[in-house]
Amino acid sequence: MSEELLIIPGEVGEGFLEHARAPRNLGEMAHPDGQAKGVGSCGDWITVALRVQDEVITEVKVLPQGCIYTTVCASAVGELARGLRLDEALELTPQDLEKTLGGLPEDHLHCARLAVNTLGEAIADCYARHG
């Protein structure tokens, strides 16, 4: 059974729809170099796990639980972070995510903050584990 998305024109873009139709980076990672779980103000949560080589993020896995906006933001943050140096990934903002997705409804901007903040916590965990 497929779930139809009710999207209000102008609130999201094609990037959002692509991640909604086929979320990327979903899954768990054995022995990550860094990992974090973030819980949003709405109760949704995201786990982000990272594989890092020479300070570059080589793999990202996310496990989102919540609304479609949380899933899409988790999927997209993995795409944005992969290939970046850890310090570059720490500079990602919720606005970067919103731009990549082609927009988010005002009442779901917190999903972008949740994804970016959880990525930052996973990077902090990586530094704590590996210096």
Protein backbone atom coordinates (compact mmCIF):
# COMPACT_ATOMS: atom_id res chain seq x y z
CA MET A 1 0.00 0.00 0.00
CA SER A 2 1.48 3.38 -0.94
CA GLU A 3 0.89 6.48 1.09
CA GLU A 4 -0.11 9.58 -0.85
CA LEU A 5 1.50 12.80 0.26
CA LEU A 6 -0.73 15.79 0.76
CA ILE A 7 1.53 18.63 -0.28
CA ILE A 8 0.44 22.24 -0.42
CA PRO A 9 1.85 23.91 -3.56
CA GLY A 10 4.67 26.31 -2.85
CA GLU A 11 5.55 24.82 0.55
CA VAL A 12 8.00 22.18 -0.66
CA GLY A 13 10.05 21.67 -3.77
CA GLU A 14 11.11 18.83 -6.01
CA GLY A 15 14.03 18.00 -3.70
CA PHE A 16 11.59 17.35 -0.88
CA LEU A 17 9.44 15.15 -3.09
CA GLU A 18 12.45 13.12 -4.26
CA HIS A 19 13.48 12.35 -0.68
CA ALA A 20 9.86 11.65 0.32
CA ARG A 21 9.44 9.14 -2.51
CA ALA A 22 12.80 7.44 -1.96
CA PRO A 23 14.49 8.31 1.34
CA ARG A 24 18.24 7.80 1.31
CA ASN A 25 20.77 6.76 3.93
CA LEU A 26 18.22 4.81 6.00
CA GLY A 27 19.51 2.08 8.23
CA GLU A 28 21.84 1.19 11.04
CA MET A 29 25.63 1.12 11.06
CA ALA A 30 27.77 -1.38 12.92
CA HIS A 31 30.61 0.24 14.86
CA PRO A 32 30.13 3.86 13.76
CA ASP A 33 32.86 6.42 14.33
CA GLY A 34 30.23 8.75 15.78
CA GLN A 35 26.55 8.44 16.60
CA ALA A 36 23.78 10.48 18.21
CA LYS A 37 20.05 10.43 18.78
CA GLY A 38 18.17 13.71 18.75
CA VAL A 39 14.58 14.22 19.89
CA GLY A 40 12.57 17.11 18.55
CA SER A 41 10.13 19.32 20.40
CA CYS A 42 7.30 17.41 18.68
CA GLY A 43 8.53 14.03 19.94
CA ASP A 44 9.97 12.89 16.59
CA TRP A 45 13.51 11.54 16.75
CA ILE A 46 16.46 10.83 14.47
CA THR A 47 19.53 8.69 14.99
CA VAL A 48 22.58 9.65 12.91
CA ALA A 49 25.61 7.35 12.58
CA LEU A 50 28.82 8.33 10.81
CA ARG A 51 31.76 6.58 9.24
CA VAL A 52 34.78 8.89 8.98
CA GLN A 53 38.14 8.49 7.28
CA ASP A 54 40.87 11.15 7.51
CA GLU A 55 38.36 13.64 8.97
CA VAL A 56 36.00 13.17 5.97
CA ILE A 57 32.50 11.73 6.37
CA THR A 58 32.42 8.71 4.08
CA GLU A 59 29.09 7.20 5.12
CA VAL A 60 25.97 8.38 6.92
CA LYS A 61 23.10 6.24 8.19
CA VAL A 62 19.93 7.71 9.65
CA LEU A 63 16.97 6.21 11.47
CA PRO A 64 14.12 8.73 11.63
CA GLN A 65 10.94 8.14 13.58
CA GLY A 66 8.07 10.55 13.08
CA CYS A 67 6.42 12.50 10.31
CA ILE A 68 7.38 12.58 6.64
CA TYR A 69 9.16 15.92 7.17
CA THR A 70 11.46 14.33 9.78
CA THR A 71 12.21 11.43 7.41
CA VAL A 72 12.92 13.77 4.49
CA CYS A 73 15.18 16.03 6.56
CA ALA A 74 17.11 13.03 7.93
CA SER A 75 17.54 11.65 4.41
CA ALA A 76 18.74 14.98 3.05
CA VAL A 77 21.15 15.78 5.87
CA GLY A 78 22.97 12.53 5.10
CA GLU A 79 23.29 13.53 1.47
CA LEU A 80 24.62 16.96 2.39
CA ALA A 81 27.13 15.68 4.96
CA ARG A 82 28.66 12.81 3.00
CA GLY A 83 31.98 13.85 1.50
CA LEU A 84 32.43 16.85 3.80
CA ARG A 85 35.20 17.27 6.32
CA LEU A 86 33.91 17.15 9.90
CA ASP A 87 34.48 20.87 10.40
CA GLU A 88 32.63 21.64 7.14
CA ALA A 89 29.68 19.46 8.16
CA LEU A 90 29.46 21.35 11.45
CA GLU A 91 28.78 24.50 9.42
CA LEU A 92 25.60 23.07 7.83
CA THR A 93 22.48 24.96 8.86
CA PRO A 94 18.76 24.22 8.81
CA GLN A 95 18.54 26.84 6.04
CA ASP A 96 20.98 24.80 3.92
CA LEU A 97 18.68 21.82 4.33
CA GLU A 98 15.57 23.87 3.53
CA LYS A 99 17.24 25.23 0.39
CA THR A 100 18.27 21.73 -0.76
CA LEU A 101 14.70 20.51 -0.31
CA GLY A 102 13.18 23.49 -2.11
CA GLY A 103 11.40 24.74 0.98
CA LEU A 104 9.62 23.48 4.07
CA PRO A 105 6.37 24.60 5.66
CA GLU A 106 6.96 27.03 8.52
CA ASP A 107 5.49 24.58 11.03
CA HIS A 108 8.06 21.91 10.04
CA LEU A 109 11.27 23.94 10.08
CA HIS A 110 12.00 22.30 13.42
CA CYS A 111 12.53 19.03 11.50
CA ALA A 112 15.46 20.60 9.65
CA ARG A 113 16.88 21.86 12.96
CA LEU A 114 16.51 18.38 14.46
CA ALA A 115 18.39 16.76 11.55
CA VAL A 116 21.24 19.31 11.54
CA ASN A 117 21.58 19.34 15.34
CA THR A 118 21.68 15.54 15.50
CA LEU A 119 24.38 15.49 12.81
CA GLY A 120 26.38 17.93 14.96
CA GLU A 121 25.95 15.71 18.01
CA ALA A 122 27.17 12.68 16.02
CA ILE A 123 30.23 14.67 14.94
CA ALA A 124 30.86 15.67 18.58
CA ASP A 125 30.63 11.98 19.51
CA CYS A 126 33.16 11.19 16.78
CA TYR A 127 35.59 13.74 18.21
CA ALA A 128 35.03 12.38 21.73
CA ARG A 129 35.74 8.82 20.60
CA HIS A 130 38.71 9.54 18.37
CA GLY A 131 40.09 12.88 19.47
